[in-house]
């Protein structure tokens, strides 16, 4: 997911997406522990998506406070 796509979303949609991506990361970690996961790159991509979502939420919070 690109930052430009996230910026088009509402704050509630971002929170929902963040919950979904965090749940996906948890499932990937379980798959790693049980030996089911073959594409370990998905963990890195998922972590970066979480970071993007959190960063853009913080950016919006800063903009609301400054206005």
PDB file of N, CA and C in Angstrom:
ATOM      1  N   UNK A   1       0.845  -1.169   0.000  1.00  0.00           N
ATOM      2  CA  UNK A   1       0.000   0.000   0.000  1.00  0.00           C
ATOM      3  C   UNK A   1       0.896   1.238   0.000  1.00  0.00           C
ATOM      4  N   UNK A   2       0.616   2.144  -0.898  1.00  0.00           N
ATOM      5  CA  UNK A   2       1.413   3.355  -1.025  1.00  0.00           C
ATOM      6  C   UNK A   2       0.875   4.456  -0.118  1.00  0.00           C
ATOM      7  N   UNK A   3       1.756   5.383   0.238  1.00  0.00           N
ATOM      8  CA  UNK A   3       1.363   6.489   1.109  1.00  0.00           C
ATOM      9  C   UNK A   3       0.289   7.341   0.451  1.00  0.00           C
ATOM     10  N   UNK A   4       0.358   7.500  -0.866  1.00  0.00           N
ATOM     11  CA  UNK A   4      -0.660   8.300  -1.561  1.00  0.00           C
ATOM     12  C   UNK A   4      -2.039   7.654  -1.457  1.00  0.00           C
ATOM     13  N   UNK A   5      -2.086   6.332  -1.464  1.00  0.00           N
ATOM     14  CA  UNK A   5      -3.360   5.630  -1.296  1.00  0.00           C
ATOM     15  C   UNK A   5      -3.900   5.827   0.116  1.00  0.00           C
ATOM     16  N   UNK A   6      -3.007   5.819   1.086  1.00  0.00           N
ATOM     17  CA  UNK A   6      -3.420   5.970   2.483  1.00  0.00           C
ATOM     18  C   UNK A   6      -3.932   7.388   2.731  1.00  0.00           C
ATOM     19  N   UNK A   7      -3.297   8.364   2.123  1.00  0.00           N
ATOM     20  CA  UNK A   7      -3.722   9.758   2.316  1.00  0.00           C
ATOM     21  C   UNK A   7      -5.139  10.006   1.814  1.00  0.00           C
ATOM     22  N   UNK A   8      -5.595   9.221   0.856  1.00  0.00           N
ATOM     23  CA  UNK A   8      -6.951   9.364   0.318  1.00  0.00           C
ATOM     24  C   UNK A   8      -8.008   8.772   1.252  1.00  0.00           C
ATOM     25  N   UNK A   9      -7.564   7.963   2.218  1.00  0.00           N
ATOM     26  CA  UNK A   9      -8.487   7.301   3.136  1.00  0.00           C
ATOM     27  C   UNK A   9      -8.858   8.225   4.290  1.00  0.00           C
ATOM     28  N   UNK A  10     -10.028   7.962   4.880  1.00  0.00           N
ATOM     29  CA  UNK A  10     -10.419   8.713   6.068  1.00  0.00           C
ATOM     30  C   UNK A  10      -9.659   8.148   7.270  1.00  0.00           C
ATOM     31  N   UNK A  11      -9.682   8.878   8.364  1.00  0.00           N
ATOM     32  CA  UNK A  11      -8.972   8.454   9.565  1.00  0.00           C
ATOM     33  C   UNK A  11      -9.536   7.139  10.096  1.00  0.00           C
ATOM     34  N   UNK A  12     -10.846   6.990  10.050  1.00  0.00           N
ATOM     35  CA  UNK A  12     -11.460   5.735  10.514  1.00  0.00           C
ATOM     36  C   UNK A  12     -11.044   4.565   9.635  1.00  0.00           C
ATOM     37  N   UNK A  13     -10.970   4.792   8.339  1.00  0.00           N
ATOM     38  CA  UNK A  13     -10.536   3.738   7.423  1.00  0.00           C
ATOM     39  C   UNK A  13      -9.088   3.345   7.691  1.00  0.00           C
ATOM     40  N   UNK A  14      -8.265   4.318   8.022  1.00  0.00           N
ATOM     41  CA  UNK A  14      -6.860   4.032   8.325  1.00  0.00           C
ATOM     42  C   UNK A  14      -6.763   3.187   9.600  1.00  0.00           C
ATOM     43  N   UNK A  15      -7.552   3.534  10.611  1.00  0.00           N
ATOM     44  CA  UNK A  15      -7.545   2.746  11.848  1.00  0.00           C
ATOM     45  C   UNK A  15      -7.996   1.314  11.578  1.00  0.00           C
ATOM     46  N   UNK A  16      -9.012   1.150  10.756  1.00  0.00           N
ATOM     47  CA  UNK A  16      -9.497  -0.188  10.416  1.00  0.00           C
ATOM     48  C   UNK A  16      -8.428  -0.968   9.664  1.00  0.00           C
ATOM     49  N   UNK A  17      -7.797  -0.333   8.702  1.00  0.00           N
ATOM     50  CA  UNK A  17      -6.740  -0.983   7.924  1.00  0.00           C
ATOM     51  C   UNK A  17      -5.554  -1.350   8.829  1.00  0.00           C
ATOM     52  N   UNK A  18      -5.232  -0.474   9.765  1.00  0.00           N
ATOM     53  CA  UNK A  18      -4.140  -0.744  10.699  1.00  0.00           C
ATOM     54  C   UNK A  18      -4.443  -1.990  11.538  1.00  0.00           C
ATOM     55  N   UNK A  19      -5.675  -2.111  12.006  1.00  0.00           N
ATOM     56  CA  UNK A  19      -6.063  -3.306  12.762  1.00  0.00           C
ATOM     57  C   UNK A  19      -5.928  -4.561  11.906  1.00  0.00           C
ATOM     58  N   UNK A  20      -6.369  -4.465  10.651  1.00  0.00           N
ATOM     59  CA  UNK A  20      -6.299  -5.619   9.754  1.00  0.00           C
ATOM     60  C   UNK A  20      -4.856  -6.024   9.466  1.00  0.00           C
ATOM     61  N   UNK A  21      -3.995  -5.056   9.249  1.00  0.00           N
ATOM     62  CA  UNK A  21      -2.602  -5.352   8.930  1.00  0.00           C
ATOM     63  C   UNK A  21      -1.880  -5.914  10.150  1.00  0.00           C
ATOM     64  N   UNK A  22      -2.195  -5.408  11.332  1.00  0.00           N
ATOM     65  CA  UNK A  22      -1.590  -5.952  12.551  1.00  0.00           C
ATOM     66  C   UNK A  22      -2.022  -7.396  12.775  1.00  0.00           C
ATOM     67  N   UNK A  23      -3.285  -7.695  12.470  1.00  0.00           N
ATOM     68  CA  UNK A  23      -3.766  -9.064  12.587  1.00  0.00           C
ATOM     69  C   UNK A  23      -3.052  -9.969  11.577  1.00  0.00           C
ATOM     70  N   UNK A  24      -2.841  -9.453  10.371  1.00  0.00           N
ATOM     71  CA  UNK A  24      -2.121 -10.219   9.353  1.00  0.00           C
ATOM     72  C   UNK A  24      -0.691 -10.517   9.814  1.00  0.00           C
ATOM     73  N   UNK A  25      -0.028  -9.548  10.443  1.00  0.00           N
ATOM     74  CA  UNK A  25       1.325  -9.766  10.948  1.00  0.00           C
ATOM     75  C   UNK A  25       1.326 -10.842  12.024  1.00  0.00           C
ATOM     76  N   UNK A  26       0.333 -10.830  12.877  1.00  0.00           N
ATOM     77  CA  UNK A  26       0.249 -11.845  13.920  1.00  0.00           C
ATOM     78  C   UNK A  26       0.109 -13.238  13.297  1.00  0.00           C
ATOM     79  N   UNK A  27      -0.729 -13.355  12.267  1.00  0.00           N
ATOM     80  CA  UNK A  27      -0.916 -14.642  11.587  1.00  0.00           C
ATOM     81  C   UNK A  27       0.376 -15.086  10.912  1.00  0.00           C
ATOM     82  N   UNK A  28       1.097 -14.133  10.317  1.00  0.00           N
ATOM     83  CA  UNK A  28       2.366 -14.476   9.674  1.00  0.00           C
ATOM     84  C   UNK A  28       3.382 -14.972  10.694  1.00  0.00           C
ATOM     85  N   UNK A  29       3.384 -14.366  11.876  1.00  0.00           N
ATOM     86  CA  UNK A  29       4.301 -14.814  12.928  1.00  0.00           C
ATOM     87  C   UNK A  29       3.971 -16.225  13.387  1.00  0.00           C
ATOM     88  N   UNK A  30       2.684 -16.537  13.487  1.00  0.00           N
ATOM     89  CA  UNK A  30       2.286 -17.896  13.845  1.00  0.00           C
ATOM     90  C   UNK A  30       2.695 -18.881  12.760  1.00  0.00           C
ATOM     91  N   UNK A  31       2.530 -18.484  11.518  1.00  0.00           N
ATOM     92  CA  UNK A  31       2.934 -19.361  10.418  1.00  0.00           C
ATOM     93  C   UNK A  31       4.437 -19.596  10.428  1.00  0.00           C
ATOM     94  N   UNK A  32       5.194 -18.576  10.788  1.00  0.00           N
ATOM     95  CA  UNK A  32       6.646 -18.732  10.883  1.00  0.00           C
ATOM     96  C   UNK A  32       6.993 -19.722  11.996  1.00  0.00           C
ATOM     97  N   UNK A  33       6.331 -19.591  13.117  1.00  0.00           N
ATOM     98  CA  UNK A  33       6.618 -20.458  14.265  1.00  0.00           C
ATOM     99  C   UNK A  33       6.273 -21.917  13.974  1.00  0.00           C
ATOM    100  N   UNK A  34       5.222 -22.138  13.194  1.00  0.00           N
ATOM    101  CA  UNK A  34       4.809 -23.510  12.890  1.00  0.00           C
ATOM    102  C   UNK A  34       5.486 -24.060  11.641  1.00  0.00           C
ATOM    103  N   UNK A  35       6.255 -23.221  10.952  1.00  0.00           N
ATOM    104  CA  UNK A  35       6.969 -23.676   9.766  1.00  0.00           C
ATOM    105  C   UNK A  35       6.154 -23.661   8.496  1.00  0.00           C
ATOM    106  N   UNK A  36       4.987 -23.040   8.514  1.00  0.00           N
ATOM    107  CA  UNK A  36       4.118 -22.998   7.334  1.00  0.00           C
ATOM    108  C   UNK A  36       4.486 -21.899   6.349  1.00  0.00           C
ATOM    109  N   UNK A  37       5.117 -20.837   6.831  1.00  0.00           N
ATOM    110  CA  UNK A  37       5.404 -19.676   5.992  1.00  0.00           C
ATOM    111  C   UNK A  37       6.603 -19.952   5.097  1.00  0.00           C
ATOM    112  N   UNK A  38       6.422 -19.699   3.800  1.00  0.00           N
ATOM    113  CA  UNK A  38       7.520 -19.898   2.856  1.00  0.00           C
ATOM    114  C   UNK A  38       8.036 -18.567   2.314  1.00  0.00           C
ATOM    115  N   UNK A  39       7.185 -17.541   2.283  1.00  0.00           N
ATOM    116  CA  UNK A  39       7.580 -16.229   1.768  1.00  0.00           C
ATOM    117  C   UNK A  39       7.819 -15.288   2.948  1.00  0.00           C
ATOM    118  N   UNK A  40       9.053 -15.263   3.434  1.00  0.00           N
ATOM    119  CA  UNK A  40       9.385 -14.467   4.611  1.00  0.00           C
ATOM    120  C   UNK A  40       9.396 -12.973   4.311  1.00  0.00           C
ATOM    121  N   UNK A  41       9.421 -12.608   3.053  1.00  0.00           N
ATOM    122  CA  UNK A  41       9.386 -11.191   2.665  1.00  0.00           C
ATOM    123  C   UNK A  41       8.058 -10.549   3.056  1.00  0.00           C
ATOM    124  N   UNK A  42       7.005 -11.340   3.151  1.00  0.00           N
ATOM    125  CA  UNK A  42       5.693 -10.799   3.522  1.00  0.00           C
ATOM    126  C   UNK A  42       5.721 -10.167   4.905  1.00  0.00           C
ATOM    127  N   UNK A  43       6.529 -10.692   5.807  1.00  0.00           N
ATOM    128  CA  UNK A  43       6.629 -10.120   7.147  1.00  0.00           C
ATOM    129  C   UNK A  43       7.194  -8.710   7.054  1.00  0.00           C
ATOM    130  N   UNK A  44       8.251  -8.540   6.282  1.00  0.00           N
ATOM    131  CA  UNK A  44       8.878  -7.222   6.144  1.00  0.00           C
ATOM    132  C   UNK A  44       7.923  -6.230   5.483  1.00  0.00           C
ATOM    133  N   UNK A  45       7.237  -6.662   4.445  1.00  0.00           N
ATOM    134  CA  UNK A  45       6.290  -5.788   3.756  1.00  0.00           C
ATOM    135  C   UNK A  45       5.152  -5.386   4.691  1.00  0.00           C
ATOM    136  N   UNK A  46       4.666  -6.321   5.471  1.00  0.00           N
ATOM    137  CA  UNK A  46       3.576  -6.044   6.409  1.00  0.00           C
ATOM    138  C   UNK A  46       4.025  -5.067   7.489  1.00  0.00           C
ATOM    139  N   UNK A  47       5.242  -5.242   8.009  1.00  0.00           N
ATOM    140  CA  UNK A  47       5.757  -4.318   9.025  1.00  0.00           C
ATOM    141  C   UNK A  47       5.903  -2.913   8.453  1.00  0.00           C
ATOM    142  N   UNK A  48       6.338  -2.809   7.221  1.00  0.00           N
ATOM    143  CA  UNK A  48       6.473  -1.493   6.605  1.00  0.00           C
ATOM    144  C   UNK A  48       5.113  -0.845   6.356  1.00  0.00           C
ATOM    145  N   UNK A  49       4.114  -1.651   6.019  1.00  0.00           N
ATOM    146  CA  UNK A  49       2.759  -1.105   5.862  1.00  0.00           C
ATOM    147  C   UNK A  49       2.244  -0.559   7.192  1.00  0.00           C
ATOM    148  N   UNK A  50       2.516  -1.271   8.268  1.00  0.00           N
ATOM    149  CA  UNK A  50       2.113  -0.786   9.594  1.00  0.00           C
ATOM    150  C   UNK A  50       2.802   0.540   9.880  1.00  0.00           C
ATOM    151  N   UNK A  51       4.074   0.623   9.584  1.00  0.00           N
ATOM    152  CA  UNK A  51       4.821   1.862   9.831  1.00  0.00           C
ATOM    153  C   UNK A  51       4.250   3.020   9.008  1.00  0.00           C
ATOM    154  N   UNK A  52       3.888   2.762   7.756  1.00  0.00           N
ATOM    155  CA  UNK A  52       3.291   3.816   6.923  1.00  0.00           C
ATOM    156  C   UNK A  52       1.974   4.312   7.512  1.00  0.00           C
ATOM    157  N   UNK A  53       1.135   3.367   7.922  1.00  0.00           N
ATOM    158  CA  UNK A  53      -0.164   3.739   8.479  1.00  0.00           C
ATOM    159  C   UNK A  53       0.005   4.556   9.757  1.00  0.00           C
ATOM    160  N   UNK A  54       0.884   4.120  10.641  1.00  0.00           N
ATOM    161  CA  UNK A  54       1.103   4.828  11.902  1.00  0.00           C
ATOM    162  C   UNK A  54       1.684   6.217  11.647  1.00  0.00           C
ATOM    163  N   UNK A  55       2.607   6.304  10.699  1.00  0.00           N
ATOM    164  CA  UNK A  55       3.235   7.587  10.378  1.00  0.00           C
ATOM    165  C   UNK A  55       2.208   8.576   9.846  1.00  0.00           C
ATOM    166  N   UNK A  56       1.344   8.124   8.951  1.00  0.00           N
ATOM    167  CA  UNK A  56       0.347   9.034   8.394  1.00  0.00           C
ATOM    168  C   UNK A  56      -0.715   9.416   9.415  1.00  0.00           C
ATOM    169  N   UNK A  57      -1.020   8.520  10.347  1.00  0.00           N
ATOM    170  CA  UNK A  57      -1.933   8.891  11.435  1.00  0.00           C
ATOM    171  C   UNK A  57      -1.299   9.964  12.315  1.00  0.00           C
ATOM    172  N   UNK A  58      -0.031   9.820  12.621  1.00  0.00           N
ATOM    173  CA  UNK A  58       0.668  10.821  13.424  1.00  0.00           C
ATOM    174  C   UNK A  58       0.733  12.152  12.684  1.00  0.00           C
ATOM    175  N   UNK A  59       0.930  12.082  11.390  1.00  0.00           N
ATOM    176  CA  UNK A  59       0.958  13.292  10.570  1.00  0.00           C
ATOM    177  C   UNK A  59      -0.377  14.027  10.641  1.00  0.00           C
ATOM    178  N   UNK A  60      -1.465  13.275  10.570  1.00  0.00           N
ATOM    179  CA  UNK A  60      -2.793  13.891  10.666  1.00  0.00           C
ATOM    180  C   UNK A  60      -3.025  14.482  12.045  1.00  0.00           C
ATOM    181  N   UNK A  61      -2.571  13.799  13.079  1.00  0.00           N
ATOM    182  CA  UNK A  61      -2.727  14.320  14.443  1.00  0.00           C
ATOM    183  C   UNK A  61      -1.964  15.646  14.602  1.00  0.00           C
ATOM    184  N   UNK A  62      -0.757  15.712  14.065  1.00  0.00           N
ATOM    185  CA  UNK A  62       0.024  16.931  14.137  1.00  0.00           C
ATOM    186  C   UNK A  62      -0.686  18.065  13.402  1.00  0.00           C
ATOM    187  N   UNK A  63      -1.269  17.760  12.244  1.00  0.00           N
ATOM    188  CA  UNK A  63      -1.970  18.790  11.465  1.00  0.00           C
ATOM    189  C   UNK A  63      -3.205  19.293  12.201  1.00  0.00           C
ATOM    190  N   UNK A  64      -3.917  18.404  12.894  1.00  0.00           N
ATOM    191  CA  UNK A  64      -5.105  18.811  13.640  1.00  0.00           C
ATOM    192  C   UNK A  64      -4.725  19.692  14.824  1.00  0.00           C
ATOM    193  N   UNK A  65      -3.647  19.362  15.486  1.00  0.00           N
ATOM    194  CA  UNK A  65      -3.218  20.127  16.655  1.00  0.00           C
ATOM    195  C   UNK A  65      -2.742  21.527  16.241  1.00  0.00           C
ATOM    196  N   UNK A  66      -2.031  21.604  15.130  1.00  0.00           N
ATOM    197  CA  UNK A  66      -1.489  22.884  14.704  1.00  0.00           C
ATOM    198  C   UNK A  66      -2.561  23.805  14.136  1.00  0.00           C
ATOM    199  N   UNK A  67      -3.681  23.240  13.703  1.00  0.00           N
ATOM    200  CA  UNK A  67      -4.771  24.083  13.171  1.00  0.00           C
ATOM    201  C   UNK A  67      -5.671  24.479  14.264  1.00  0.00           C
TER     202      UNK A  67
END
